[in-house]
C-alpha cells in the first residue's frame, strides 16, 4: 500500500469539493483525537491536510483511497465533497457537459461521489477493518448518502462551520451546515467531548 506521513501543526484539515478545496478548523480534529485517542488513518487527504490531522498514515488523491482496504483502529475522514462526475469522452468535441463549459477544462477520470465515500466508510467499519471512525460532512439531511449516516451518533455544530481556503482565509460564503458522525463503541466519550461543540444525537 502507498501511504505517506506528515506532522506539522501549522496547517489545516482538507476537504475538497471538486474545483475548490476547503479546510476544517482544527477544533474538530482535536475533538476527534480526544475521543479516539489517535488518528491512525485518513483515507482522503493530502500532505498539507495531514499537517493538522496528523494521521499516522493517509491516502492522497494519487493513492486513490477508495480503491484501498482501510485497516485501522482509528480513522478520520473529511472526504472530497462532490456529487460525482463521469470522465469526459476522449474526443472532446463529443463532450456536452455544462460543467466543463463552466470550469473551462475537461476531466480524464471519474470523480467519486459522496455516496461512494460514505458507503466505503460504513462497509469498512461494519466488516471490522476500522474499529472507530469520525467523519465530517455537510448536513444534507435529505440526500441518500447522508441518510446512510443517520443511524450513527452525530454532532450538529453550534453555528455553521466556516471552512478555510488553502490560502488560509475563511470562506464566509459556506451555505450549508455541517455534521460530525461517529462510528464506534465509545458513545459516552463522543457525547462528553462533542456536546460542548454542538447538539449530540445518539441513536437508540
Protein backbone atom coordinates (compact mmCIF):
# COMPACT_ATOMS: atom_id res chain seq x y z
CA UNK A 1 0.00 0.00 0.00
CA UNK A 2 1.18 3.51 -0.80
CA UNK A 3 0.96 5.84 2.14
CA UNK A 4 2.63 9.00 3.38
CA UNK A 5 3.16 10.70 6.70
CA UNK A 6 3.48 14.28 7.86
CA UNK A 7 3.22 16.11 11.16
CA UNK A 8 3.20 19.89 11.37
CA UNK A 9 0.53 21.62 13.50
CA UNK A 10 0.60 24.85 11.50
CA UNK A 11 -1.76 23.65 8.77
CA UNK A 12 -5.48 22.89 8.45
CA UNK A 13 -7.69 19.95 7.54
CA UNK A 14 -8.55 19.44 3.90
CA UNK A 15 -11.94 18.98 2.35
CA UNK A 16 -12.29 19.11 -1.40
CA UNK A 17 -15.49 19.82 -3.30
CA UNK A 18 -14.26 19.35 -6.83
CA UNK A 19 -12.58 22.53 -8.04
CA UNK A 20 -12.44 24.10 -4.57
CA UNK A 21 -10.66 22.76 -1.50
CA UNK A 22 -11.91 23.56 1.97
CA UNK A 23 -10.00 23.18 5.23
CA UNK A 24 -11.78 22.44 8.51
CA UNK A 25 -10.97 24.35 11.70
CA UNK A 26 -8.54 22.48 13.92
CA UNK A 27 -11.04 22.20 16.77
CA UNK A 28 -12.82 19.31 15.05
CA UNK A 29 -9.78 17.07 14.54
CA UNK A 30 -8.61 17.86 18.07
CA UNK A 31 -12.00 16.70 19.35
CA UNK A 32 -11.86 13.57 17.20
CA UNK A 33 -8.44 12.73 18.56
CA UNK A 34 -9.67 13.27 22.12
CA UNK A 35 -12.49 10.78 21.56
CA UNK A 36 -10.45 8.11 19.78
CA UNK A 37 -7.07 8.69 21.37
CA UNK A 38 -5.33 8.92 18.00
CA UNK A 39 -5.91 9.11 14.27
CA UNK A 40 -4.25 6.18 12.61
CA UNK A 41 -5.60 6.58 9.06
CA UNK A 42 -7.04 9.36 6.92
CA UNK A 43 -8.19 7.81 3.63
CA UNK A 44 -8.96 11.08 1.83
CA UNK A 45 -6.18 13.52 2.48
CA UNK A 46 -3.05 15.27 1.25
CA UNK A 47 0.33 16.25 2.61
CA UNK A 48 -0.94 19.72 3.51
CA UNK A 49 -4.13 18.36 5.05
CA UNK A 50 -2.24 15.94 7.26
CA UNK A 51 -0.28 18.74 8.92
CA UNK A 52 -3.30 19.22 11.18
CA UNK A 53 -4.99 15.82 11.02
CA UNK A 54 -1.63 14.25 11.96
CA UNK A 55 -2.74 10.77 10.94
CA UNK A 56 -0.11 8.06 11.13
CA UNK A 57 -1.00 7.12 7.56
CA UNK A 58 -3.01 8.78 4.83
CA UNK A 59 -4.08 8.25 1.25
CA UNK A 60 -3.83 11.15 -1.15
CA UNK A 61 -5.76 11.69 -4.35
CA UNK A 62 -2.93 9.97 -6.22
CA UNK A 63 -3.20 6.92 -3.94
CA UNK A 64 -6.96 6.61 -4.63
CA UNK A 65 -8.15 5.80 -1.12
CA UNK A 66 -11.42 4.34 -2.36
CA UNK A 67 -9.52 1.52 -4.06
CA UNK A 68 -7.65 0.57 -0.87
CA UNK A 69 -8.64 -1.62 2.04
CA UNK A 70 -8.88 0.54 5.14
CA UNK A 71 -7.19 -1.19 8.06
CA UNK A 72 -7.02 1.00 11.16
CA UNK A 73 -8.00 1.14 14.80
CA UNK A 74 -8.93 4.80 14.41
CA UNK A 75 -9.86 6.78 11.30
CA UNK A 76 -10.71 10.39 10.46
CA UNK A 77 -12.44 11.21 7.17
CA UNK A 78 -13.13 14.53 5.53
CA UNK A 79 -13.81 13.25 2.05
CA UNK A 80 -13.87 15.27 -1.20
CA UNK A 81 -17.41 16.63 -1.20
CA UNK A 82 -18.76 16.06 -4.70
CA UNK A 83 -21.94 14.81 -6.38
CA UNK A 84 -19.76 12.75 -8.70
CA UNK A 85 -18.99 13.03 -12.38
CA UNK A 86 -18.06 10.70 -15.20
CA UNK A 87 -14.90 11.28 -17.20
CA UNK A 88 -15.22 13.24 -20.42
CA UNK A 89 -15.06 11.49 -23.80
CA UNK A 90 -11.57 11.13 -25.26
CA UNK A 91 -12.87 13.07 -28.24
CA UNK A 92 -13.50 16.38 -26.51
CA UNK A 93 -15.75 17.54 -29.33
CA UNK A 94 -18.29 14.98 -28.11
CA UNK A 95 -18.36 16.34 -24.58
CA UNK A 96 -21.55 18.28 -23.93
CA UNK A 97 -21.22 18.70 -20.18
CA UNK A 98 -22.11 22.15 -18.88
CA UNK A 99 -19.67 21.62 -16.01
CA UNK A 100 -16.79 21.62 -18.49
CA UNK A 101 -18.01 24.82 -20.08
CA UNK A 102 -18.20 26.46 -16.68
CA UNK A 103 -14.78 25.39 -15.38
CA UNK A 104 -13.01 25.68 -18.72
CA UNK A 105 -11.50 22.21 -18.88
CA UNK A 106 -12.35 18.51 -19.19
CA UNK A 107 -11.64 15.63 -16.82
CA UNK A 108 -9.95 12.34 -17.71
CA UNK A 109 -11.06 10.26 -14.73
CA UNK A 110 -14.36 9.65 -12.95
CA UNK A 111 -14.87 11.76 -9.82
CA UNK A 112 -16.32 9.73 -6.91
CA UNK A 113 -19.47 10.99 -5.25
CA UNK A 114 -20.37 11.41 -1.59
CA UNK A 115 -22.21 8.09 -1.51
CA UNK A 116 -19.08 6.27 -2.68
CA UNK A 117 -17.10 7.59 0.29
CA UNK A 118 -19.83 7.12 2.90
CA UNK A 119 -20.64 3.56 1.83
CA UNK A 120 -16.94 2.70 1.85
CA UNK A 121 -16.57 4.07 5.38
CA UNK A 122 -19.59 2.18 6.71
CA UNK A 123 -18.55 -1.04 4.95
CA UNK A 124 -15.02 -0.96 6.37
CA UNK A 125 -16.41 -0.30 9.85
CA UNK A 126 -19.08 -2.98 9.71
CA UNK A 127 -16.55 -5.51 8.38
CA UNK A 128 -14.28 -4.82 11.34
CA UNK A 129 -11.42 -3.33 9.33
CA UNK A 130 -11.92 0.02 11.06
CA UNK A 131 -12.56 -0.13 14.80
CA UNK A 132 -13.50 3.51 15.36
CA UNK A 133 -14.07 6.43 12.99
CA UNK A 134 -15.21 10.03 12.86
CA UNK A 135 -16.16 11.85 9.68
CA UNK A 136 -17.22 15.40 8.95
CA UNK A 137 -19.66 16.16 6.14
CA UNK A 138 -22.15 18.78 5.14
CA UNK A 139 -25.54 18.13 6.77
CA UNK A 140 -27.52 17.41 3.62
CA UNK A 141 -30.19 15.55 5.53
CA UNK A 142 -32.40 14.64 2.58
CA UNK A 143 -29.63 13.09 0.48
CA UNK A 144 -29.28 9.32 0.20
CA UNK A 145 -25.62 9.39 1.21
CA UNK A 146 -26.35 11.38 4.38
CA UNK A 147 -29.24 9.15 5.39
CA UNK A 148 -26.74 6.27 5.48
CA UNK A 149 -25.08 8.06 8.40
CA UNK A 150 -28.25 8.78 10.39
CA UNK A 151 -28.21 5.53 12.43
CA UNK A 152 -24.88 6.55 13.96
CA UNK A 153 -24.18 9.10 16.73
CA UNK A 154 -23.83 12.61 15.33
CA UNK A 155 -22.97 16.12 16.43
CA UNK A 156 -24.64 19.12 14.82
CA UNK A 157 -22.30 22.08 15.47
CA UNK A 158 -23.35 25.24 17.23
CA UNK A 159 -23.43 27.52 14.20
CA UNK A 160 -22.10 26.96 10.72
CA UNK A 161 -18.59 25.58 10.29
CA UNK A 162 -16.67 28.20 8.33
CA UNK A 163 -14.11 26.30 6.32
CA UNK A 164 -10.75 27.74 5.34
CA UNK A 165 -9.41 28.11 1.83
CA UNK A 166 -5.92 26.83 1.01
CA UNK A 167 -4.56 30.38 1.29
CA UNK A 168 -5.65 30.49 4.93
CA UNK A 169 -8.59 32.85 4.52
CA UNK A 170 -12.04 31.94 5.83
CA UNK A 171 -14.76 31.20 3.31
CA UNK A 172 -17.68 33.12 4.77
CA UNK A 173 -19.89 32.00 1.88
CA UNK A 174 -20.45 28.47 3.21
CA UNK A 175 -24.19 27.95 2.72
CA UNK A 176 -24.62 24.54 4.40
CA UNK A 177 -24.45 23.36 7.96
CA UNK A 178 -22.06 20.54 8.82
CA UNK A 179 -22.32 17.32 10.78
CA UNK A 180 -19.83 15.09 12.57
CA UNK A 181 -20.64 11.37 12.63
CA UNK A 182 -19.12 8.80 14.97
CA UNK A 183 -18.75 5.09 14.25
CA UNK A 184 -17.54 3.24 17.30
CA UNK A 185 -18.29 1.83 20.76
CA UNK A 186 -17.37 4.81 22.95
CA UNK A 187 -20.65 6.72 22.81
CA UNK A 188 -20.21 8.29 26.24
CA UNK A 189 -16.82 9.68 25.26
CA UNK A 190 -18.16 11.05 21.98
CA UNK A 191 -21.01 12.75 23.80
CA UNK A 192 -18.77 14.15 26.54
CA UNK A 193 -16.34 15.72 24.06
CA UNK A 194 -18.69 16.94 21.35
CA UNK A 195 -21.60 18.19 23.47
CA UNK A 196 -19.54 21.32 24.10
CA UNK A 197 -19.31 21.93 20.34
CA UNK A 198 -22.89 21.27 19.30
CA UNK A 199 -26.00 19.17 19.77
CA UNK A 200 -25.24 15.47 20.01
CA UNK A 201 -27.71 12.89 18.75
CA UNK A 202 -27.10 9.32 19.89
CA UNK A 203 -29.19 6.73 18.06
CA UNK A 204 -31.19 4.44 20.35
